[in-house]
Protein backbone atom coordinates (compact mmCIF):
# COMPACT_ATOMS: atom_id res chain seq x y z
CA THR A 1 224.03 174.76 103.96
CA LYS A 2 226.81 177.11 105.33
CA LEU A 3 228.62 178.36 102.48
CA ILE A 4 232.00 180.36 102.91
CA LEU A 5 231.63 183.68 101.34
CA LEU A 6 233.41 187.09 100.37
CA ASP A 7 231.20 190.79 101.87
CA SER A 8 231.23 191.48 98.30
CA LEU A 9 230.33 188.32 97.10
CA LEU A 10 227.21 187.84 99.54
CA GLN A 11 226.27 192.16 97.95
CA GLU A 12 225.93 190.11 94.80
CA ILE A 13 223.30 187.48 95.85
CA ILE A 14 221.56 189.48 97.86
CA LYS A 15 220.84 191.91 94.73
CA LYS A 16 219.55 188.67 92.95
CA ARG A 17 216.92 188.41 95.35
CA VAL A 18 218.01 186.42 98.58
CA CYS A 19 215.31 187.16 101.35
CA VAL A 20 217.23 186.77 104.92
CA MET A 21 220.57 185.65 105.60
CA PHE A 22 222.45 184.88 107.85
CA ILE A 23 225.78 187.10 108.68
CA SER A 24 228.51 185.39 110.36
CA THR A 25 232.26 186.48 111.30
CA VAL A 26 233.26 184.09 108.42
CA VAL A 27 230.19 182.34 107.54
CA TYR A 28 227.30 183.37 105.90
CA ALA A 29 224.34 180.89 105.77
CA LEU A 30 221.82 181.84 102.45
CA PHE A 31 217.93 181.04 102.18
CA PRO A 32 216.92 181.96 98.84
CA CYS A 33 213.03 183.03 98.44
CA ILE A 34 210.33 180.89 98.66
CA ARG A 35 209.48 180.37 94.79
CA ALA A 36 209.26 182.36 92.38
CA LEU A 37 206.66 185.06 91.49
CA ARG A 38 204.00 184.73 89.17
CA SER A 39 203.99 187.37 86.28
CA ASP A 40 200.75 188.44 87.80
CA GLU A 41 201.97 189.30 91.15
CA GLU A 42 203.39 192.94 92.04
CA CYS A 43 206.28 194.49 93.75
CA PHE A 44 207.09 197.56 94.87
CA GLU A 45 210.70 199.17 95.97
CA GLY A 46 211.67 201.50 98.17
CA GLU A 47 209.84 204.46 100.38
CA GLU A 48 206.50 202.87 98.39
CA ALA A 49 207.67 199.05 99.68
CA ALA A 50 207.68 200.74 102.98
CA SER A 51 204.43 202.34 102.94
CA ARG A 52 202.70 198.97 101.66
CA LEU A 53 204.63 196.61 104.02
CA LYS A 54 203.27 198.69 107.10
CA THR A 55 199.52 199.53 105.74
CA TRP A 56 199.13 195.59 105.34
CA VAL A 57 200.30 195.03 109.18
CA PHE A 58 198.01 197.54 110.04
CA LYS A 59 195.45 196.81 108.07
CA GLU A 60 195.38 192.58 108.55
CA LEU A 61 195.28 193.46 112.52
CA SER A 62 192.07 195.27 112.20
CA LEU A 63 190.75 192.95 109.61
CA LYS A 64 191.13 189.65 111.62
CA GLN A 65 192.20 187.37 114.90
CA TYR A 66 195.33 186.25 115.04
CA LEU A 67 197.30 184.39 117.60
CA SER A 68 199.19 186.78 120.10
CA THR A 69 202.31 185.79 122.48
CA LYS A 70 204.08 187.94 125.71
CA PHE A 71 207.63 188.12 124.70
CA PHE A 72 208.82 189.58 128.09
CA GLU A 73 206.72 193.56 128.35
CA ALA A 74 205.51 193.33 124.59
CA ASP A 75 202.50 191.64 122.45
CA VAL A 76 203.32 190.22 119.68
CA THR A 77 201.09 189.21 117.27
CA ILE A 78 201.86 186.03 114.97
CA ILE A 79 200.91 185.58 111.11
CA GLY A 80 201.81 182.50 109.11
CA GLY A 81 200.59 179.92 107.25
CA ASP A 82 202.19 178.63 103.74
CA GLY A 83 204.56 180.87 103.34
CA PRO A 84 206.85 183.66 105.90
CA ILE A 85 205.87 183.85 109.11
CA TRP A 86 205.57 187.51 110.85
CA HIS A 87 205.90 188.24 114.19
CA ILE A 88 204.08 191.84 115.33
CA VAL A 89 205.48 193.84 117.72
CA ASN A 90 202.92 195.64 120.07
CA ASP A 91 200.18 196.01 117.19
CA GLY A 92 202.75 197.09 114.01
CA TRP A 93 203.65 200.02 116.25
CA ASN A 94 207.33 198.42 117.57
CA GLY A 95 208.66 197.01 114.53
CA ILE A 96 208.17 192.93 113.13
CA PHE A 97 210.15 190.14 113.29
CA TYR A 98 210.30 188.58 109.46
CA TYR A 99 211.31 185.07 109.12
CA GLU A 100 210.64 182.62 106.30
CA ASN A 101 209.41 179.43 108.29
CA GLU A 102 208.31 178.24 111.39
CA GLU A 103 210.91 176.15 112.15
CA GLU A 104 213.42 179.52 111.32
CA SER A 105 211.04 181.83 113.60
CA LEU A 106 212.31 179.72 116.80
CA SER A 107 216.04 179.35 115.73
CA GLY A 108 217.40 180.75 112.95
CA ALA A 109 217.02 183.58 109.91
CA GLY A 110 215.59 186.06 110.05
CA ALA A 111 214.68 189.66 109.94
CA TYR A 112 213.43 192.78 112.41
CA ILE A 113 212.24 195.58 110.46
CA TYR A 114 212.23 199.19 112.74
CA PRO A 115 209.05 200.87 112.93
CA ASP A 116 209.95 203.06 109.92
CA TYR A 117 209.18 199.92 108.08
CA ARG A 118 212.58 200.58 105.91
CA THR A 119 215.46 199.98 108.01
CA ALA A 120 215.84 196.21 109.10
CA VAL A 121 218.68 193.95 111.01
CA ILE A 122 218.84 191.06 108.89
CA GLY A 123 220.67 187.95 110.93
CA HIS A 124 220.50 184.77 112.96
CA TRP A 125 218.05 185.15 115.90
CA LEU A 126 217.47 182.88 118.59
CA ASP A 127 213.96 182.98 120.05
CA HIS A 128 214.01 187.24 118.94
CA LEU A 129 217.09 187.53 120.44
CA LEU A 130 220.44 188.79 117.98
CA ILE A 131 223.02 186.62 117.65
CA GLU A 132 224.83 187.76 114.62
CA GLY A 133 222.96 189.96 112.22
CA LYS A 134 224.06 193.31 110.22
CA ALA A 135 222.26 196.64 109.11
CA ALA A 136 220.31 197.00 105.43
CA GLU A 137 217.17 198.82 103.94
CA LEU A 138 214.23 197.40 102.79
CA GLY A 139 214.48 197.32 99.33
CA GLU A 140 211.58 195.49 97.86
CA ILE A 141 208.50 193.46 98.36
CA CYS A 142 206.40 191.15 96.13
CA GLU A 143 203.09 189.64 96.48
CA TYR A 144 202.74 186.29 98.06
CA GLY A 145 199.38 185.13 98.00
CA SER A 146 197.49 187.53 100.42
CA SER A 147 201.08 187.95 102.51
CA TRP A 148 204.92 189.17 101.29
CA MET A 149 208.24 187.94 100.17
CA LEU A 150 210.25 190.50 101.02
CA LYS A 151 214.16 191.78 99.36
CA PHE A 152 216.98 193.83 101.54
CA GLY A 153 220.01 195.53 100.22
CA GLU A 154 222.71 195.87 100.68
CA LEU A 155 224.50 194.86 104.34
CA PHE A 156 226.06 198.05 106.24
CA GLY A 157 227.92 199.03 109.62
CA PRO A 158 229.04 196.91 112.08
CA ILE A 159 228.21 193.09 113.11
CA MET A 160 225.94 193.72 116.27
CA SER A 161 224.21 190.84 118.50
CA TYR A 162 221.91 191.18 121.71
CA SER A 163 224.14 193.29 123.96
CA PRO A 164 221.40 194.79 126.43
CA PRO A 165 223.23 197.76 129.00
CA SER A 166 223.59 196.72 132.94
CA HIS A 167 224.25 199.05 135.98
CA TYR A 168 228.36 198.38 134.31
CA SER A 169 227.56 198.60 130.75
CA LEU A 170 226.04 200.58 128.23
CA GLY A 171 226.08 197.45 126.24
CA ILE A 172 227.35 198.61 122.98
CA ASN A 173 230.22 200.62 121.70
CA PRO A 174 228.63 204.35 122.57
CA LEU A 175 229.69 205.79 119.72
CA GLN A 176 227.58 202.82 117.64
CA GLU A 177 225.08 204.55 116.03
CA ASP A 178 221.11 203.37 115.45
CA PRO A 179 220.15 202.65 112.35
CA PHE A 180 217.12 203.51 112.44
CA GLU A 181 218.14 207.22 114.53
CA THR A 182 220.19 208.25 111.89
CA LYS A 183 217.52 208.07 109.14
CA THR A 184 214.73 209.91 111.52
CA VAL A 185 216.37 212.01 113.68
CA GLU A 186 219.60 214.62 114.36
CA VAL A 187 221.19 216.93 117.05
CA ARG A 188 221.35 220.43 116.53
CA LYS A 189 221.21 223.45 117.94
CA SER A 190 217.88 224.05 119.82
CA SER A 191 215.00 225.90 118.75
CA LEU A 192 214.57 227.14 122.53
CA ASP A 193 216.36 230.26 123.91
CA ALA A 194 217.07 229.25 127.02
CA ALA A 195 218.56 225.20 125.44
CA ASN A 196 221.48 224.27 124.00
CA GLU A 197 221.08 220.96 121.54
CA GLY A 198 217.46 219.71 120.76
CA LEU A 199 216.08 216.92 118.71
CA PHE A 200 215.24 217.11 115.40
CA THR A 201 213.20 214.85 113.07
CA GLN A 202 215.01 214.22 109.44
CA ARG A 203 211.69 212.87 107.65
CA ILE A 204 207.95 213.33 108.49
CA ILE A 205 206.73 211.24 111.33
CA GLU A 206 203.13 210.40 112.16
CA ALA A 207 201.36 209.93 115.73
CA GLY A 208 201.82 207.35 117.58
CA GLU A 209 205.36 206.52 115.80
CA THR A 210 208.14 206.33 117.52
CA ILE A 211 211.13 208.45 116.95
CA SER A 212 214.18 207.98 119.03
CA PHE A 213 215.39 205.28 121.82
CA TYR A 214 216.74 206.47 125.17
CA SER A 215 218.81 204.14 126.69
CA GLY A 216 222.27 204.42 129.05
CA TYR A 217 223.52 202.15 132.04
CA ILE A 218 220.36 200.48 133.85
CA ILE A 219 220.42 201.01 137.45
CA ASN A 220 217.88 200.30 140.27
CA CYS A 221 216.20 203.79 140.98
CA GLU A 222 217.26 204.36 144.71
CA SER A 223 220.70 203.71 144.15
CA PRO A 224 223.23 206.57 144.95
CA LEU A 225 225.12 207.99 141.52
CA ARG A 226 227.14 209.10 143.64
CA ALA A 227 228.04 206.02 146.51
CA ILE A 228 231.63 206.75 147.84
CA ASP A 229 231.44 210.27 146.35
CA ARG A 230 232.43 212.61 149.66
CA ARG A 231 232.40 216.17 147.82
CA GLU A 232 228.91 217.91 148.44
CA LEU A 233 227.05 219.19 146.15
CA SER A 234 224.95 222.09 145.95
CA ASP A 235 220.73 221.06 145.22
CA GLU A 236 221.72 222.40 141.27
CA GLU A 237 224.95 220.42 141.03
CA GLU A 238 222.70 217.29 142.02
CA HIS A 239 220.09 217.94 139.37
CA VAL A 240 222.93 218.57 136.77
CA ARG A 241 224.47 214.78 137.89
CA ASN A 242 220.96 213.58 137.33
CA MET A 243 219.86 215.41 133.92
CA TYR A 244 220.09 212.71 132.21
CA ASN A 245 218.06 210.13 134.44
CA ILE A 246 214.50 208.47 133.36
CA ALA A 247 212.67 205.72 135.24
CA LEU A 248 212.85 202.55 132.75
CA ASP A 249 208.68 201.83 133.07
CA LEU A 250 208.46 198.06 132.68
CA GLU A 251 205.54 196.42 133.47
CA ASN A 252 206.18 194.17 136.21
CA ASP A 253 207.16 197.58 138.85
CA GLU A 254 210.96 196.61 139.16
CA ASN A 255 212.47 200.28 140.44
CA PHE A 256 214.86 200.27 137.61
CA CYS A 257 216.10 203.84 135.80
CA ILE A 258 218.18 204.52 132.71
CA ASP A 259 221.34 206.66 133.13
CA LEU A 260 223.33 208.70 131.69
CA PRO A 261 226.47 210.64 133.01
CA PRO A 262 226.50 213.85 131.78
CA GLU A 263 229.77 213.59 130.43
CA LEU A 264 228.37 211.13 128.54
CA GLY A 265 224.97 213.02 127.40
CA ASN A 266 226.28 216.25 127.38
CA SER A 267 228.58 215.30 124.10
CA ILE A 268 227.26 213.43 120.86
CA GLU A 269 230.59 212.82 120.46
CA ARG A 270 231.13 210.86 123.34
CA TYR A 271 227.64 209.03 123.32
CA LYS A 272 225.52 208.71 120.33
CA ALA A 273 224.04 204.90 120.91
CA THR A 274 220.59 205.94 121.62
CA LEU A 275 220.24 210.19 121.46
CA GLY A 276 216.12 210.53 123.02
CA HIS A 277 218.60 212.34 126.10
CA LYS A 278 218.52 214.92 123.82
CA VAL A 279 215.24 216.01 123.66
CA ASN A 280 214.19 218.95 125.49
CA HIS A 281 211.22 219.94 127.75
CA SER A 282 208.05 221.67 127.06
CA PHE A 283 204.63 221.91 128.88
CA GLN A 284 203.48 221.92 124.73
CA PRO A 285 205.20 218.85 123.44
CA ASN A 286 204.73 216.63 120.36
CA ALA A 287 206.11 213.49 122.21
CA GLU A 288 206.19 211.33 125.08
CA PHE A 289 208.19 208.67 126.74
CA VAL A 290 207.02 205.37 126.37
CA LEU A 291 209.04 201.60 126.79
CA PHE A 292 210.75 200.30 123.84
CA PRO A 293 210.54 196.47 124.69
CA ILE A 294 212.19 194.86 121.64
CA HIS A 295 214.57 196.84 120.61
CA PRO A 296 216.49 194.38 118.23
CA ILE A 297 220.18 195.29 119.99
CA LEU A 298 219.32 196.96 123.66
CA GLY A 299 216.57 194.97 124.44
CA SER A 300 214.01 196.72 126.83
CA ILE A 301 214.81 200.75 126.91
CA MET A 302 212.82 203.51 126.86
CA SER A 303 212.08 205.60 124.03
CA LEU A 304 210.60 209.04 122.55
CA ALA A 305 206.48 208.21 120.01
CA ALA A 306 204.78 211.25 118.79
CA LEU A 307 202.10 212.45 120.24
CA LYS A 308 200.73 213.85 116.85
CA ASP A 309 202.00 213.63 113.25
CA ILE A 310 205.46 216.02 112.98
CA ARG A 311 206.86 217.77 109.48
CA VAL A 312 210.58 217.25 108.83
CA GLY A 313 212.79 219.36 110.62
CA GLU A 314 210.99 220.08 113.71
CA GLU A 315 212.04 219.79 116.83
CA ILE A 316 211.20 216.96 119.16
CA LEU A 317 209.54 218.09 123.11
CA VAL A 318 208.38 216.08 125.32
CA ASN A 319 207.10 217.25 128.78
CA TYR A 320 210.09 215.72 131.76
CA GLY A 321 207.10 215.26 134.04
CA TYR A 322 208.22 217.42 136.80
CA ASN A 323 206.14 218.88 139.22
CA TYR A 324 206.57 222.11 141.15
CA SER A 325 204.19 221.96 143.03
CA SER A 326 204.34 218.46 144.84
CA ASP A 327 207.97 218.39 145.00
CA PRO A 328 209.82 222.31 145.00
CA ASP A 329 213.39 220.99 144.31
CA GLN A 330 213.94 221.12 140.62
CA PRO A 331 216.37 223.06 138.73
CA LYS A 332 216.02 226.68 138.03
CA TRP A 333 215.37 226.61 134.28
CA PHE A 334 212.30 224.05 135.10
CA ILE A 335 210.96 226.48 138.11
CA ARG A 336 211.15 229.61 135.75
CA GLU A 337 209.98 227.49 132.77
CA TRP A 338 207.04 226.25 135.28
CA GLU A 339 206.32 229.97 136.43
CA LEU A 340 205.83 231.35 132.67
CA PHE A 341 203.34 228.37 131.98
CA HIS A 342 200.97 228.43 135.19
CA GLY A 343 201.05 231.50 135.71
CA ASP A 344 202.52 233.79 138.89
CA GLY A 345 201.87 231.09 142.14
CA LYS A 346 199.43 228.88 139.74
CA HIS A 347 201.02 225.27 140.82
CA ASP A 348 198.40 223.28 139.40
CA GLU A 349 199.33 219.25 139.14
CA LEU A 350 200.36 218.63 135.44
């Protein structure tokens, strides 16, 4: 049943144990928890709740065989039964969907929990696509037989919906920050002498974990970026124009790229919907570019994943994958870095 409620009243109900709710501009439909807890069932809060949930997901997948299905580029494993339904994305590395029952998992109220297992988007979903929702944090998890029942904290941020980028649109407001990234990374002066800004961690990152997202306009990689611009640019000016252009690594071999014009990518005052483009190059990286196929708002985009455990406050560095030996037309700064790393005249393939 849909109940018309004020935001303040909704927050009070959430605190009393509403597991999942549907958010609309004027209508809220509330779904109470499935059943009362037994006295012997344990509950955990905050960081401990996130840690327990993540451990359970990875352990559960290692112990049992579950039904798996393909959702675009993602492998989704379904864990369920008499109670909550879990849709685990790419073995838990790309987050999880949580629904109260099988029917809701097709169309209804649910939550997507980011790979930190703390940040969530709660709302109304249709086949894993967000119709409307808001961000929240996982507040508490309580045992539910061999599974868990979830409780979320206060909603925050703007109302969101699935809004994938295209060749003419960024999908969302370029200044709308991702709730996961705001708790995971920050942009500040790089530790590298030749660089300007860089991307730094705000929490401990484990090897394999998602660090940041990379989105922009989605274009065909062969499309000219200056189709009707008659100005002639030098090679170095062309490199500057293309500095935030990256291949979208889809499985179907479609030749798509993510492109951020430098006037957007150079300033977080103009674009901070994702922050992965702020990562600097290194031949000794601690991260890599990987496809993130199921972002709750942007859909299939690129991301940064950790190659090793990374401390709080450490700069994220990635190998850009340029190859000076096979393609000498590279930015001057990269040629200097290549020669410093490989030695004079040593142009081995990466």
